[in-house]
Amino acid sequence: MIWLHWYLLVALLLFCIGLYGLVQRRSLIGMLIALELMLAAVSLNVVAITSLSGRSSSVGQVVALILIGVAAAEGAIALSLFVAIQREVQSIDVEDLSELKG
């Protein structure tokens, strides 16, 4: 039997990798992938905690499915914004986007 803290440790590792990728990447695509990894870690936490807490595990699974849907919608919207930025600026490198600087 796998204990709850192992699931939480794996989710923490995934979240930390995603956070590091979000901070260190210069490409918007890489930042989007890191953000998706962080959302996957949150989904893992939700499923692990609800399934091992003694409550109905279907609640956690439904919440995880909603999180997957939100992540898919966020990815579709972000990719369409990336295409618009690419057409306007000819680059999706964060350093080249002077409009984002204050």
C-alpha atoms as a PDB file:
ATOM      1  CA  MET A   1       0.000   0.000   0.000  1.00  0.00           C
ATOM      2  CA  ILE A   2       1.263   3.430  -0.944  1.00  0.00           C
ATOM      3  CA  TRP A   3       0.898   6.082   1.741  1.00  0.00           C
ATOM      4  CA  LEU A   4      -0.549   9.531   1.185  1.00  0.00           C
ATOM      5  CA  HIS A   5       2.750  11.305   1.727  1.00  0.00           C
ATOM      6  CA  TRP A   6       4.270   9.540  -1.304  1.00  0.00           C
ATOM      7  CA  TYR A   7       1.536  10.961  -3.546  1.00  0.00           C
ATOM      8  CA  LEU A   8       2.012  14.376  -2.026  1.00  0.00           C
ATOM      9  CA  LEU A   9       5.785  14.129  -2.484  1.00  0.00           C
ATOM     10  CA  VAL A  10       5.416  13.263  -6.172  1.00  0.00           C
ATOM     11  CA  ALA A  11       2.941  16.115  -6.630  1.00  0.00           C
ATOM     12  CA  LEU A  12       5.340  18.500  -4.853  1.00  0.00           C
ATOM     13  CA  LEU A  13       8.162  17.383  -7.134  1.00  0.00           C
ATOM     14  CA  LEU A  14       6.017  17.932 -10.241  1.00  0.00           C
ATOM     15  CA  PHE A  15       4.908  21.341  -8.985  1.00  0.00           C
ATOM     16  CA  CYS A  16       8.492  22.403  -8.228  1.00  0.00           C
ATOM     17  CA  ILE A  17       9.674  21.285 -11.668  1.00  0.00           C
ATOM     18  CA  GLY A  18       6.822  23.245 -13.235  1.00  0.00           C
ATOM     19  CA  LEU A  19       7.570  26.334 -11.154  1.00  0.00           C
ATOM     20  CA  TYR A  20      11.255  26.173 -12.070  1.00  0.00           C
ATOM     21  CA  GLY A  21      10.330  25.804 -15.741  1.00  0.00           C
ATOM     22  CA  LEU A  22       7.933  28.737 -15.532  1.00  0.00           C
ATOM     23  CA  VAL A  23      10.560  31.009 -14.006  1.00  0.00           C
ATOM     24  CA  GLN A  24      13.518  29.942 -16.164  1.00  0.00           C
ATOM     25  CA  ARG A  25      11.944  29.684 -19.617  1.00  0.00           C
ATOM     26  CA  ARG A  26      12.087  32.507 -22.109  1.00  0.00           C
ATOM     27  CA  SER A  27       9.762  30.917 -24.637  1.00  0.00           C
ATOM     28  CA  LEU A  28       6.037  31.268 -24.132  1.00  0.00           C
ATOM     29  CA  ILE A  29       5.517  27.651 -25.238  1.00  0.00           C
ATOM     30  CA  GLY A  30       7.904  26.398 -22.553  1.00  0.00           C
ATOM     31  CA  MET A  31       6.127  28.507 -19.966  1.00  0.00           C
ATOM     32  CA  LEU A  32       2.782  27.033 -21.028  1.00  0.00           C
ATOM     33  CA  ILE A  33       4.135  23.496 -20.686  1.00  0.00           C
ATOM     34  CA  ALA A  34       5.449  24.296 -17.212  1.00  0.00           C
ATOM     35  CA  LEU A  35       2.073  25.710 -16.220  1.00  0.00           C
ATOM     36  CA  GLU A  36       0.337  22.553 -17.450  1.00  0.00           C
ATOM     37  CA  LEU A  37       2.730  20.489 -15.342  1.00  0.00           C
ATOM     38  CA  MET A  38       1.796  22.530 -12.293  1.00  0.00           C
ATOM     39  CA  LEU A  39      -1.910  21.935 -12.982  1.00  0.00           C
ATOM     40  CA  ALA A  40      -1.238  18.194 -13.247  1.00  0.00           C
ATOM     41  CA  ALA A  41       0.395  18.284  -9.811  1.00  0.00           C
ATOM     42  CA  VAL A  42      -2.673  19.987  -8.374  1.00  0.00           C
ATOM     43  CA  SER A  43      -4.908  17.323  -9.936  1.00  0.00           C
ATOM     44  CA  LEU A  44      -2.766  14.597  -8.405  1.00  0.00           C
ATOM     45  CA  ASN A  45      -3.083  16.244  -4.990  1.00  0.00           C
ATOM     46  CA  VAL A  46      -6.852  16.481  -5.250  1.00  0.00           C
ATOM     47  CA  VAL A  47      -7.304  12.845  -6.260  1.00  0.00           C
ATOM     48  CA  ALA A  48      -4.852  11.551  -3.649  1.00  0.00           C
ATOM     49  CA  ILE A  49      -6.331  13.489  -0.768  1.00  0.00           C
ATOM     50  CA  THR A  50      -9.958  12.689  -1.557  1.00  0.00           C
ATOM     51  CA  SER A  51      -9.380   9.006  -2.276  1.00  0.00           C
ATOM     52  CA  LEU A  52      -7.360   8.420   0.876  1.00  0.00           C
ATOM     53  CA  SER A  53      -9.362  10.635   3.240  1.00  0.00           C
ATOM     54  CA  GLY A  54     -12.230   8.196   3.633  1.00  0.00           C
ATOM     55  CA  ARG A  55     -14.713  10.259   1.660  1.00  0.00           C
ATOM     56  CA  SER A  56     -16.136   9.340  -1.716  1.00  0.00           C
ATOM     57  CA  SER A  57     -13.259   9.200  -4.174  1.00  0.00           C
ATOM     58  CA  SER A  58     -15.547  10.131  -7.050  1.00  0.00           C
ATOM     59  CA  VAL A  59     -15.623  13.756  -5.843  1.00  0.00           C
ATOM     60  CA  GLY A  60     -11.863  14.067  -6.297  1.00  0.00           C
ATOM     61  CA  GLN A  61     -12.023  12.427  -9.694  1.00  0.00           C
ATOM     62  CA  VAL A  62     -14.720  14.827 -10.849  1.00  0.00           C
ATOM     63  CA  VAL A  63     -12.683  17.799  -9.634  1.00  0.00           C
ATOM     64  CA  ALA A  64      -9.630  16.409 -11.438  1.00  0.00           C
ATOM     65  CA  LEU A  65     -11.637  16.070 -14.671  1.00  0.00           C
ATOM     66  CA  ILE A  66     -12.780  19.683 -14.317  1.00  0.00           C
ATOM     67  CA  LEU A  67      -9.143  20.723 -13.817  1.00  0.00           C
ATOM     68  CA  ILE A  68      -8.164  18.822 -16.966  1.00  0.00           C
ATOM     69  CA  GLY A  69     -10.893  20.645 -18.882  1.00  0.00           C
ATOM     70  CA  VAL A  70      -9.726  24.000 -17.558  1.00  0.00           C
ATOM     71  CA  ALA A  71      -6.139  23.155 -18.517  1.00  0.00           C
ATOM     72  CA  ALA A  72      -7.227  22.210 -22.042  1.00  0.00           C
ATOM     73  CA  ALA A  73      -9.186  25.437 -22.458  1.00  0.00           C
ATOM     74  CA  GLU A  74      -6.281  27.453 -21.074  1.00  0.00           C
ATOM     75  CA  GLY A  75      -3.914  25.748 -23.499  1.00  0.00           C
ATOM     76  CA  ALA A  76      -6.149  26.443 -26.492  1.00  0.00           C
ATOM     77  CA  ILE A  77      -6.565  30.109 -25.595  1.00  0.00           C
ATOM     78  CA  ALA A  78      -2.851  30.521 -24.880  1.00  0.00           C
ATOM     79  CA  LEU A  79      -1.835  28.929 -28.185  1.00  0.00           C
ATOM     80  CA  SER A  80      -4.184  31.220 -30.104  1.00  0.00           C
ATOM     81  CA  LEU A  81      -2.641  34.214 -28.302  1.00  0.00           C
ATOM     82  CA  PHE A  82       0.831  32.911 -29.172  1.00  0.00           C
ATOM     83  CA  VAL A  83      -0.129  32.783 -32.857  1.00  0.00           C
ATOM     84  CA  ALA A  84      -1.381  36.375 -32.689  1.00  0.00           C
ATOM     85  CA  ILE A  85       1.811  37.500 -30.930  1.00  0.00           C
ATOM     86  CA  GLN A  86       3.941  35.638 -33.468  1.00  0.00           C
ATOM     87  CA  ARG A  87       2.175  37.374 -36.348  1.00  0.00           C
ATOM     88  CA  GLU A  88       2.556  40.806 -34.762  1.00  0.00           C
ATOM     89  CA  VAL A  89       6.092  40.660 -33.303  1.00  0.00           C
ATOM     90  CA  GLN A  90       7.654  37.771 -35.329  1.00  0.00           C
ATOM     91  CA  SER A  91       8.882  36.179 -32.093  1.00  0.00           C
ATOM     92  CA  ILE A  92       7.467  34.442 -29.035  1.00  0.00           C
ATOM     93  CA  ASP A  93      10.537  35.040 -26.911  1.00  0.00           C
ATOM     94  CA  VAL A  94       9.540  36.816 -23.702  1.00  0.00           C
ATOM     95  CA  GLU A  95      12.581  39.111 -23.848  1.00  0.00           C
ATOM     96  CA  ASP A  96      11.509  40.427 -27.266  1.00  0.00           C
ATOM     97  CA  LEU A  97       8.048  41.509 -26.147  1.00  0.00           C
ATOM     98  CA  SER A  98       8.535  45.140 -25.193  1.00  0.00           C
ATOM     99  CA  GLU A  99       4.761  45.675 -24.869  1.00  0.00           C
ATOM    100  CA  LEU A 100       4.754  43.556 -21.691  1.00  0.00           C
ATOM    101  CA  LYS A 101       7.391  45.694 -19.971  1.00  0.00           C
ATOM    102  CA  GLY A 102       6.118  48.424 -17.642  1.00  0.00           C
END
